[in-house]
Amino acid sequence: MSDIGLVETLKESRPVFSGAVVKLSVDTVELPNGKQATREVVRHCGAVCVLAVTAQEQVVLVRQFRHPVGDVLLEIPAGKLDMAGESPEQCAYRELAEETPYTAQSMALIQKFYTAPGFCDELMYLYEARGITENSKLKADEDEFVQTVLLNRQQVKQAIKDRSIRDAKTLIALQSWLLD
């Protein structure tokens, strides 16, 4: 497949906002037909998410309140790349230990995907945690309140079917796990 006739060319980028998590710019692009258009773009440092399954074949999930949607969601452990020089794999180890009482012996990259490419450049890395073991205490950030939830395959299927899981990264990870 050819990308000819699809690519937009950046002409100007005007920063609008710079925060701790995201930056927002308004970009002017030249369309393939020569006309110009405006794109509002959220710039994000990237993130990881972790599919962790216990020896008893239960997936490790977290319940937490998500302010932007005003609700408690059931998700796989995840977080942004926020330490200088931290690799996505290192971030996956850190996030699993911060959000759950589990650690992993190794991590395997399953997939990389864009979370909302229509307006955001966030690239998310999905890892499978291997050889997970339970530890007694969480290393949660002081502004993070989470509950660990363990679900077996049948419970995961039911949670997807009844729409109890509404988070995209979690749906991607769980569908991948269910296909194995």
N, C-alpha and C. Protein backbone atom coordinates (compact mmCIF):
# COMPACT_ATOMS: atom_id res chain seq x y z
N MET A 1 0.83 -1.19 0.00
CA MET A 1 0.00 0.00 0.00
C MET A 1 0.87 1.25 0.00
N SER A 2 0.46 2.21 -0.72
CA SER A 2 1.20 3.46 -0.82
C SER A 2 0.53 4.55 0.02
N ASP A 3 1.38 5.37 0.66
CA ASP A 3 0.87 6.51 1.44
C ASP A 3 0.74 7.77 0.59
N ILE A 4 1.11 7.67 -0.68
CA ILE A 4 1.02 8.83 -1.56
C ILE A 4 -0.43 9.29 -1.62
N GLY A 5 -0.62 10.58 -1.46
CA GLY A 5 -1.96 11.14 -1.50
C GLY A 5 -2.65 11.15 -0.15
N LEU A 6 -1.94 10.72 0.91
CA LEU A 6 -2.54 10.69 2.25
C LEU A 6 -1.81 11.58 3.26
N VAL A 7 -0.54 11.86 3.02
CA VAL A 7 0.30 12.52 4.01
C VAL A 7 0.04 14.02 4.08
N GLU A 8 -0.07 14.50 5.32
CA GLU A 8 -0.19 15.94 5.59
C GLU A 8 1.19 16.47 5.97
N THR A 9 1.53 17.67 5.50
CA THR A 9 2.82 18.27 5.77
C THR A 9 2.67 19.39 6.79
N LEU A 10 3.43 19.31 7.88
CA LEU A 10 3.38 20.33 8.92
C LEU A 10 3.97 21.64 8.40
N LYS A 11 3.22 22.72 8.51
CA LYS A 11 3.68 24.04 8.09
C LYS A 11 4.05 24.91 9.29
N GLU A 12 3.26 24.79 10.38
CA GLU A 12 3.50 25.60 11.57
C GLU A 12 2.91 24.88 12.77
N SER A 13 3.60 25.01 13.90
CA SER A 13 3.09 24.45 15.15
C SER A 13 3.16 25.53 16.22
N ARG A 14 1.98 25.84 16.80
CA ARG A 14 1.91 26.89 17.81
C ARG A 14 1.58 26.27 19.16
N PRO A 15 2.54 26.30 20.13
CA PRO A 15 2.28 25.77 21.46
C PRO A 15 1.17 26.57 22.15
N VAL A 16 0.24 25.87 22.78
CA VAL A 16 -0.88 26.51 23.46
C VAL A 16 -0.83 26.27 24.96
N PHE A 17 -0.40 25.06 25.35
CA PHE A 17 -0.38 24.69 26.77
C PHE A 17 0.73 23.69 27.00
N SER A 18 1.39 23.80 28.16
CA SER A 18 2.41 22.83 28.54
C SER A 18 2.21 22.49 30.00
N GLY A 19 1.79 21.26 30.28
CA GLY A 19 1.54 20.82 31.64
C GLY A 19 2.48 19.70 32.04
N ALA A 20 2.18 19.10 33.18
CA ALA A 20 3.02 18.02 33.71
C ALA A 20 2.84 16.72 32.92
N VAL A 21 1.69 16.52 32.32
CA VAL A 21 1.40 15.26 31.62
C VAL A 21 1.32 15.45 30.11
N VAL A 22 0.73 16.54 29.66
CA VAL A 22 0.54 16.75 28.23
C VAL A 22 0.93 18.16 27.81
N LYS A 23 1.15 18.29 26.51
CA LYS A 23 1.35 19.59 25.86
C LYS A 23 0.32 19.67 24.75
N LEU A 24 -0.19 20.85 24.50
CA LEU A 24 -1.18 21.05 23.44
C LEU A 24 -0.63 22.07 22.46
N SER A 25 -0.72 21.71 21.17
CA SER A 25 -0.33 22.65 20.13
C SER A 25 -1.44 22.73 19.09
N VAL A 26 -1.45 23.84 18.38
CA VAL A 26 -2.34 24.00 17.24
C VAL A 26 -1.44 24.03 16.02
N ASP A 27 -1.59 23.03 15.18
CA ASP A 27 -0.72 22.87 14.02
C ASP A 27 -1.46 23.24 12.74
N THR A 28 -0.74 23.88 11.85
CA THR A 28 -1.24 24.13 10.50
C THR A 28 -0.55 23.13 9.59
N VAL A 29 -1.36 22.40 8.83
CA VAL A 29 -0.83 21.39 7.92
C VAL A 29 -1.29 21.66 6.50
N GLU A 30 -0.45 21.21 5.56
CA GLU A 30 -0.85 21.25 4.16
C GLU A 30 -1.39 19.87 3.80
N LEU A 31 -2.61 19.85 3.27
CA LEU A 31 -3.27 18.61 2.89
C LEU A 31 -2.74 18.11 1.56
N PRO A 32 -2.98 16.85 1.23
CA PRO A 32 -2.51 16.31 -0.05
C PRO A 32 -3.01 17.09 -1.27
N ASN A 33 -4.16 17.78 -1.13
CA ASN A 33 -4.69 18.55 -2.26
C ASN A 33 -4.15 19.98 -2.31
N GLY A 34 -3.20 20.32 -1.41
CA GLY A 34 -2.59 21.64 -1.41
C GLY A 34 -3.26 22.65 -0.51
N LYS A 35 -4.45 22.36 -0.01
CA LYS A 35 -5.14 23.25 0.91
C LYS A 35 -4.55 23.10 2.31
N GLN A 36 -4.86 24.07 3.17
CA GLN A 36 -4.36 24.02 4.54
C GLN A 36 -5.50 23.72 5.51
N ALA A 37 -5.14 23.10 6.64
CA ALA A 37 -6.10 22.78 7.69
C ALA A 37 -5.41 22.96 9.04
N THR A 38 -6.21 23.06 10.08
CA THR A 38 -5.72 23.21 11.44
C THR A 38 -5.96 21.91 12.20
N ARG A 39 -4.97 21.50 12.97
CA ARG A 39 -5.05 20.30 13.80
C ARG A 39 -4.69 20.67 15.24
N GLU A 40 -5.57 20.34 16.19
CA GLU A 40 -5.25 20.49 17.61
C GLU A 40 -4.62 19.17 18.04
N VAL A 41 -3.39 19.25 18.58
CA VAL A 41 -2.64 18.03 18.88
C VAL A 41 -2.22 18.00 20.35
N VAL A 42 -2.53 16.90 21.00
CA VAL A 42 -2.07 16.66 22.36
C VAL A 42 -0.79 15.84 22.26
N ARG A 43 0.28 16.36 22.84
CA ARG A 43 1.57 15.66 22.87
C ARG A 43 1.70 14.98 24.23
N HIS A 44 2.08 13.70 24.22
CA HIS A 44 2.16 12.92 25.45
C HIS A 44 3.48 12.16 25.45
N CYS A 45 4.06 11.97 26.62
CA CYS A 45 5.38 11.32 26.73
C CYS A 45 5.35 9.82 26.49
N GLY A 46 4.17 9.23 26.41
CA GLY A 46 4.05 7.79 26.21
C GLY A 46 3.74 7.08 27.51
N ALA A 47 3.30 5.84 27.40
CA ALA A 47 2.87 5.09 28.59
C ALA A 47 3.04 3.60 28.36
N VAL A 48 2.89 2.87 29.44
CA VAL A 48 2.93 1.40 29.39
C VAL A 48 1.68 0.85 30.06
N CYS A 49 1.36 -0.38 29.71
CA CYS A 49 0.33 -1.12 30.42
C CYS A 49 0.81 -2.56 30.53
N VAL A 50 0.33 -3.25 31.58
CA VAL A 50 0.90 -4.55 31.91
C VAL A 50 -0.20 -5.60 32.06
N LEU A 51 -0.09 -6.65 31.26
CA LEU A 51 -0.94 -7.82 31.40
C LEU A 51 -0.21 -8.80 32.30
N ALA A 52 -0.71 -8.95 33.52
CA ALA A 52 -0.08 -9.85 34.50
C ALA A 52 -1.09 -10.94 34.85
N VAL A 53 -0.66 -12.19 34.74
CA VAL A 53 -1.53 -13.32 35.03
C VAL A 53 -0.85 -14.19 36.08
N THR A 54 -1.58 -14.52 37.13
CA THR A 54 -1.04 -15.33 38.22
C THR A 54 -0.88 -16.78 37.79
N ALA A 55 -0.20 -17.56 38.61
CA ALA A 55 -0.04 -19.00 38.37
C ALA A 55 -1.39 -19.71 38.38
N GLN A 56 -2.38 -19.10 39.03
CA GLN A 56 -3.74 -19.67 39.09
C GLN A 56 -4.59 -19.21 37.90
N GLU A 57 -3.95 -18.64 36.89
CA GLU A 57 -4.63 -18.17 35.68
C GLU A 57 -5.67 -17.09 35.98
N GLN A 58 -5.30 -16.15 36.83
CA GLN A 58 -6.14 -14.99 37.10
C GLN A 58 -5.38 -13.75 36.65
N VAL A 59 -6.07 -12.89 35.93
CA VAL A 59 -5.46 -11.66 35.46
C VAL A 59 -5.53 -10.62 36.59
N VAL A 60 -4.46 -9.84 36.71
CA VAL A 60 -4.36 -8.82 37.75
C VAL A 60 -4.88 -7.50 37.20
N LEU A 61 -5.94 -7.00 37.80
CA LEU A 61 -6.54 -5.73 37.40
C LEU A 61 -6.55 -4.77 38.59
N VAL A 62 -6.77 -3.50 38.29
CA VAL A 62 -6.91 -2.50 39.34
C VAL A 62 -8.19 -1.71 39.12
N ARG A 63 -8.82 -1.38 40.21
CA ARG A 63 -9.98 -0.48 40.19
C ARG A 63 -9.50 0.86 40.70
N GLN A 64 -9.82 1.91 39.94
CA GLN A 64 -9.44 3.25 40.38
C GLN A 64 -10.36 4.29 39.78
N PHE A 65 -10.49 5.39 40.51
CA PHE A 65 -11.31 6.50 40.02
C PHE A 65 -10.52 7.25 38.96
N ARG A 66 -11.18 7.55 37.85
CA ARG A 66 -10.58 8.32 36.76
C ARG A 66 -11.33 9.64 36.62
N HIS A 67 -10.69 10.70 37.06
CA HIS A 67 -11.33 12.02 37.08
C HIS A 67 -11.89 12.46 35.72
N PRO A 68 -11.14 12.32 34.61
CA PRO A 68 -11.69 12.81 33.34
C PRO A 68 -13.04 12.20 32.95
N VAL A 69 -13.30 10.95 33.34
CA VAL A 69 -14.58 10.33 33.00
C VAL A 69 -15.52 10.28 34.20
N GLY A 70 -15.04 10.69 35.37
CA GLY A 70 -15.89 10.77 36.56
C GLY A 70 -16.41 9.43 37.04
N ASP A 71 -15.59 8.37 36.93
CA ASP A 71 -16.07 7.04 37.30
C ASP A 71 -14.90 6.17 37.73
N VAL A 72 -15.24 5.09 38.44
CA VAL A 72 -14.26 4.08 38.82
C VAL A 72 -14.20 3.07 37.68
N LEU A 73 -12.99 2.81 37.19
CA LEU A 73 -12.80 1.88 36.07
C LEU A 73 -11.98 0.68 36.52
N LEU A 74 -12.20 -0.43 35.83
CA LEU A 74 -11.43 -1.65 36.03
C LEU A 74 -10.43 -1.72 34.88
N GLU A 75 -9.13 -1.75 35.21
CA GLU A 75 -8.08 -1.64 34.22
C GLU A 75 -6.91 -2.57 34.54
N ILE A 76 -6.08 -2.81 33.54
CA ILE A 76 -4.80 -3.44 33.83
C ILE A 76 -3.88 -2.34 34.38
N PRO A 77 -2.84 -2.72 35.14
CA PRO A 77 -1.91 -1.71 35.64
C PRO A 77 -1.27 -0.94 34.48
N ALA A 78 -1.10 0.36 34.68
CA ALA A 78 -0.56 1.19 33.61
C ALA A 78 -0.04 2.50 34.19
N GLY A 79 0.76 3.18 33.39
CA GLY A 79 1.24 4.49 33.79
C GLY A 79 2.12 5.10 32.74
N LYS A 80 2.40 6.38 32.93
CA LYS A 80 3.17 7.10 31.93
C LYS A 80 4.67 6.96 32.15
N LEU A 81 5.38 7.11 31.07
CA LEU A 81 6.84 7.15 31.12
C LEU A 81 7.22 8.50 31.71
N ASP A 82 7.61 8.50 32.97
CA ASP A 82 7.82 9.81 33.57
C ASP A 82 9.15 9.96 34.31
N MET A 83 10.02 9.01 34.16
CA MET A 83 11.33 9.15 34.79
C MET A 83 12.38 9.33 33.69
N ALA A 84 13.29 10.27 33.88
CA ALA A 84 14.31 10.55 32.88
C ALA A 84 15.11 9.30 32.55
N GLY A 85 15.18 8.96 31.27
CA GLY A 85 15.96 7.83 30.82
C GLY A 85 15.32 6.47 31.05
N GLU A 86 14.10 6.45 31.58
CA GLU A 86 13.42 5.18 31.85
C GLU A 86 12.92 4.56 30.55
N SER A 87 13.23 3.29 30.35
CA SER A 87 12.74 2.59 29.16
C SER A 87 11.30 2.15 29.41
N PRO A 88 10.55 1.88 28.34
CA PRO A 88 9.20 1.36 28.54
C PRO A 88 9.18 0.08 29.39
N GLU A 89 10.15 -0.81 29.18
CA GLU A 89 10.19 -2.05 29.96
C GLU A 89 10.41 -1.76 31.45
N GLN A 90 11.33 -0.86 31.77
CA GLN A 90 11.56 -0.48 33.16
C GLN A 90 10.29 0.12 33.77
N CYS A 91 9.61 0.93 32.98
CA CYS A 91 8.36 1.55 33.44
C CYS A 91 7.31 0.48 33.74
N ALA A 92 7.26 -0.57 32.92
CA ALA A 92 6.29 -1.64 33.15
C ALA A 92 6.55 -2.34 34.48
N TYR A 93 7.81 -2.63 34.79
CA TYR A 93 8.14 -3.21 36.09
C TYR A 93 7.69 -2.29 37.23
N ARG A 94 8.01 -1.00 37.08
CA ARG A 94 7.68 -0.02 38.12
C ARG A 94 6.19 0.09 38.34
N GLU A 95 5.43 0.20 37.25
CA GLU A 95 3.98 0.38 37.37
C GLU A 95 3.30 -0.84 38.00
N LEU A 96 3.74 -2.04 37.62
CA LEU A 96 3.16 -3.24 38.22
C LEU A 96 3.38 -3.23 39.73
N ALA A 97 4.59 -2.88 40.17
CA ALA A 97 4.91 -2.86 41.60
C ALA A 97 4.20 -1.72 42.33
N GLU A 98 3.99 -0.59 41.66
CA GLU A 98 3.33 0.55 42.30
C GLU A 98 1.83 0.33 42.48
N GLU A 99 1.20 -0.31 41.50
CA GLU A 99 -0.25 -0.39 41.50
C GLU A 99 -0.81 -1.70 42.04
N THR A 100 0.02 -2.72 42.16
CA THR A 100 -0.46 -4.03 42.62
C THR A 100 0.55 -4.61 43.62
N PRO A 101 0.14 -5.64 44.34
CA PRO A 101 1.10 -6.29 45.23
C PRO A 101 1.93 -7.36 44.50
N TYR A 102 2.21 -7.18 43.20
CA TYR A 102 2.93 -8.16 42.40
C TYR A 102 4.18 -7.55 41.77
N THR A 103 5.16 -8.40 41.55
CA THR A 103 6.34 -8.05 40.78
C THR A 103 6.53 -9.14 39.73
N ALA A 104 7.35 -8.87 38.73
CA ALA A 104 7.56 -9.83 37.64
C ALA A 104 9.03 -10.17 37.50
N GLN A 105 9.29 -11.41 37.06
CA GLN A 105 10.67 -11.81 36.76
C GLN A 105 11.11 -11.25 35.41
N SER A 106 10.17 -11.16 34.47
CA SER A 106 10.51 -10.63 33.15
C SER A 106 9.28 -9.99 32.51
N MET A 107 9.54 -9.20 31.49
CA MET A 107 8.48 -8.53 30.73
C MET A 107 8.70 -8.84 29.26
N ALA A 108 7.60 -9.09 28.54
CA ALA A 108 7.67 -9.33 27.10
C ALA A 108 6.72 -8.35 26.40
N LEU A 109 7.25 -7.62 25.45
CA LEU A 109 6.43 -6.67 24.71
C LEU A 109 5.45 -7.43 23.83
N ILE A 110 4.16 -7.13 23.99
CA ILE A 110 3.11 -7.76 23.17
C ILE A 110 2.76 -6.88 21.98
N GLN A 111 2.62 -5.57 22.23
CA GLN A 111 2.12 -4.67 21.19
C GLN A 111 2.44 -3.23 21.56
N LYS A 112 2.53 -2.38 20.57
CA LYS A 112 2.59 -0.93 20.75
C LYS A 112 1.41 -0.36 19.97
N PHE A 113 0.72 0.62 20.54
CA PHE A 113 -0.43 1.19 19.85
C PHE A 113 -0.65 2.64 20.27
N TYR A 114 -1.29 3.39 19.38
CA TYR A 114 -1.66 4.77 19.69
C TYR A 114 -3.03 4.75 20.37
N THR A 115 -3.16 5.55 21.43
CA THR A 115 -4.40 5.53 22.20
C THR A 115 -5.53 6.31 21.55
N ALA A 116 -5.24 7.42 20.93
CA ALA A 116 -6.26 8.26 20.29
C ALA A 116 -5.61 9.08 19.19
N PRO A 117 -5.20 8.44 18.07
CA PRO A 117 -4.38 9.11 17.06
C PRO A 117 -5.07 10.23 16.29
N GLY A 118 -6.35 10.42 16.50
CA GLY A 118 -7.03 11.53 15.84
C GLY A 118 -6.66 12.88 16.42
N PHE A 119 -6.16 12.88 17.68
CA PHE A 119 -5.79 14.16 18.29
C PHE A 119 -4.61 14.06 19.25
N CYS A 120 -4.09 12.86 19.48
CA CYS A 120 -3.04 12.67 20.49
C CYS A 120 -1.95 11.74 19.96
N ASP A 121 -0.68 12.05 20.29
CA ASP A 121 0.43 11.21 19.82
C ASP A 121 0.89 10.18 20.85
N GLU A 122 0.10 9.96 21.91
CA GLU A 122 0.49 9.00 22.95
C GLU A 122 0.67 7.60 22.36
N LEU A 123 1.87 7.05 22.58
CA LEU A 123 2.18 5.69 22.18
C LEU A 123 2.21 4.84 23.44
N MET A 124 1.42 3.76 23.46
CA MET A 124 1.35 2.90 24.63
C MET A 124 2.01 1.56 24.30
N TYR A 125 2.79 1.08 25.25
CA TYR A 125 3.48 -0.20 25.14
C TYR A 125 2.76 -1.20 26.04
N LEU A 126 2.28 -2.31 25.46
CA LEU A 126 1.61 -3.36 26.22
C LEU A 126 2.60 -4.49 26.47
N TYR A 127 2.87 -4.74 27.75
CA TYR A 127 3.79 -5.81 28.15
C TYR A 127 3.03 -6.94 28.83
N GLU A 128 3.56 -8.14 28.67
CA GLU A 128 3.10 -9.28 29.44
C GLU A 128 4.13 -9.51 30.55
N ALA A 129 3.65 -9.47 31.81
CA ALA A 129 4.53 -9.75 32.95
C ALA A 129 4.63 -11.26 33.10
N ARG A 130 5.84 -11.76 33.20
CA ARG A 130 6.05 -13.21 33.33
C ARG A 130 6.69 -13.51 34.68
N GLY A 131 6.30 -14.64 35.23
CA GLY A 131 6.85 -15.05 36.52
C GLY A 131 6.49 -14.10 37.63
N ILE A 132 5.20 -13.76 37.73
CA ILE A 132 4.82 -12.79 38.76
C ILE A 132 4.74 -13.46 40.13
N THR A 133 5.15 -12.70 41.13
CA THR A 133 5.07 -13.15 42.51
C THR A 133 4.43 -12.04 43.34
N GLU A 134 3.77 -12.45 44.39
CA GLU A 134 3.07 -11.50 45.24
C GLU A 134 4.00 -10.98 46.33
N ASN A 135 3.95 -9.69 46.54
CA ASN A 135 4.69 -9.03 47.62
C ASN A 135 3.68 -8.50 48.62
N SER A 136 4.13 -8.21 49.81
CA SER A 136 3.19 -7.83 50.86
C SER A 136 2.73 -6.39 50.81
N LYS A 137 3.53 -5.49 50.26
CA LYS A 137 3.09 -4.10 50.28
C LYS A 137 3.19 -3.42 48.93
N LEU A 138 2.25 -2.50 48.72
CA LEU A 138 2.24 -1.71 47.50
C LEU A 138 3.25 -0.58 47.61
N LYS A 139 3.72 -0.13 46.44
CA LYS A 139 4.62 1.03 46.38
C LYS A 139 3.90 2.17 45.66
N ALA A 140 2.62 2.34 45.94
CA ALA A 140 1.79 3.31 45.21
C ALA A 140 2.26 4.74 45.41
N ASP A 141 2.05 5.54 44.36
CA ASP A 141 2.28 6.98 44.47
C ASP A 141 1.31 7.53 45.49
N GLU A 142 1.68 8.64 46.16
CA GLU A 142 0.82 9.17 47.22
C GLU A 142 -0.50 9.74 46.71
N ASP A 143 -0.60 10.01 45.42
CA ASP A 143 -1.86 10.52 44.86
C ASP A 143 -2.64 9.45 44.12
N GLU A 144 -2.28 8.18 44.34
CA GLU A 144 -2.90 7.08 43.62
C GLU A 144 -3.59 6.14 44.60
N PHE A 145 -4.88 5.93 44.39
CA PHE A 145 -5.67 5.05 45.24
C PHE A 145 -6.26 3.95 44.36
N VAL A 146 -5.80 2.72 44.56
CA VAL A 146 -6.23 1.61 43.71
C VAL A 146 -6.57 0.39 44.55
N GLN A 147 -7.42 -0.45 43.99
CA GLN A 147 -7.73 -1.75 44.59
C GLN A 147 -7.36 -2.81 43.57
N THR A 148 -6.71 -3.88 44.04
CA THR A 148 -6.35 -4.99 43.16
C THR A 148 -7.53 -5.94 43.02
N VAL A 149 -7.79 -6.38 41.80
CA VAL A 149 -8.87 -7.32 41.50
C VAL A 149 -8.28 -8.45 40.66
N LEU A 150 -8.60 -9.69 41.00
CA LEU A 150 -8.15 -10.85 40.24
C LEU A 150 -9.37 -11.49 39.59
N LEU A 151 -9.29 -11.73 38.27
CA LEU A 151 -10.38 -12.37 37.54
C LEU A 151 -9.85 -13.54 36.73
N ASN A 152 -10.60 -14.64 36.71
CA ASN A 152 -10.24 -15.77 35.86
C ASN A 152 -10.81 -15.53 34.45
N ARG A 153 -10.52 -16.43 33.54
CA ARG A 153 -10.95 -16.25 32.14
C ARG A 153 -12.47 -16.09 32.01
N GLN A 154 -13.22 -16.91 32.72
CA GLN A 154 -14.68 -16.83 32.63
C GLN A 154 -15.18 -15.48 33.16
N GLN A 155 -14.60 -15.02 34.25
CA GLN A 155 -15.00 -13.72 34.82
C GLN A 155 -14.62 -12.57 33.89
N VAL A 156 -13.48 -12.70 33.23
CA VAL A 156 -13.07 -11.67 32.26
C VAL A 156 -14.05 -11.63 31.10
N LYS A 157 -14.41 -12.81 30.56
CA LYS A 157 -15.38 -12.86 29.47
C LYS A 157 -16.70 -12.22 29.88
N GLN A 158 -17.15 -12.50 31.09
CA GLN A 158 -18.41 -11.93 31.57
C GLN A 158 -18.30 -10.41 31.75
N ALA A 159 -17.17 -9.96 32.28
CA ALA A 159 -16.97 -8.52 32.49
C ALA A 159 -16.94 -7.76 31.16
N ILE A 160 -16.37 -8.38 30.13
CA ILE A 160 -16.37 -7.76 28.80
C ILE A 160 -17.78 -7.78 28.24
N LYS A 161 -18.45 -8.91 28.37
CA LYS A 161 -19.81 -9.05 27.84
C LYS A 161 -20.79 -8.06 28.48
N ASP A 162 -20.69 -7.89 29.81
CA ASP A 162 -21.64 -6.98 30.48
C ASP A 162 -21.13 -5.53 30.53
N ARG A 163 -20.04 -5.27 29.83
CA ARG A 163 -19.47 -3.92 29.69
C ARG A 163 -18.98 -3.33 31.01
N SER A 164 -18.55 -4.19 31.92
CA SER A 164 -17.95 -3.72 33.17
C SER A 164 -16.55 -3.17 32.93
N ILE A 165 -15.93 -3.60 31.84
CA ILE A 165 -14.61 -3.11 31.47
C ILE A 165 -14.81 -2.19 30.27
N ARG A 166 -14.43 -0.92 30.44
CA ARG A 166 -14.67 0.08 29.40
C ARG A 166 -13.40 0.82 28.99
N ASP A 167 -12.28 0.36 29.48
CA ASP A 167 -11.00 0.98 29.19
C ASP A 167 -10.36 0.29 27.99
N ALA A 168 -9.96 1.07 26.98
CA ALA A 168 -9.47 0.51 25.71
C ALA A 168 -8.22 -0.34 25.88
N LYS A 169 -7.22 0.15 26.61
CA LYS A 169 -5.99 -0.63 26.76
C LYS A 169 -6.26 -1.96 27.44
N THR A 170 -7.19 -1.96 28.38
CA THR A 170 -7.54 -3.19 29.09
C THR A 170 -8.28 -4.15 28.17
N LEU A 171 -9.18 -3.64 27.37
CA LEU A 171 -9.88 -4.49 26.41
C LEU A 171 -8.90 -5.11 25.41
N ILE A 172 -7.94 -4.33 24.94
CA ILE A 172 -6.94 -4.84 24.00
C ILE A 172 -6.14 -5.97 24.66
N ALA A 173 -5.66 -5.73 25.88
CA ALA A 173 -4.85 -6.73 26.58
C ALA A 173 -5.65 -8.00 26.87
N LEU A 174 -6.86 -7.83 27.36
CA LEU A 174 -7.67 -9.00 27.73
C LEU A 174 -8.10 -9.81 26.52
N GLN A 175 -8.42 -9.13 25.43
CA GLN A 175 -8.75 -9.87 24.19
C GLN A 175 -7.54 -10.68 23.73
N SER A 176 -6.35 -10.11 23.84
CA SER A 176 -5.14 -10.81 23.49
C SER A 176 -4.96 -12.04 24.37
N TRP A 177 -5.19 -11.89 25.67
CA TRP A 177 -5.05 -13.00 26.62
C TRP A 177 -6.08 -14.10 26.34
N LEU A 178 -7.29 -13.69 26.03
CA LEU A 178 -8.35 -14.67 25.77
C LEU A 178 -8.10 -15.45 24.49
N LEU A 179 -7.39 -14.86 23.53
CA LEU A 179 -7.09 -15.55 22.27
C LEU A 179 -6.01 -16.62 22.43
N ASP A 180 -5.22 -16.51 23.49
CA ASP A 180 -4.16 -17.53 23.72
C ASP A 180 -4.74 -18.89 24.02
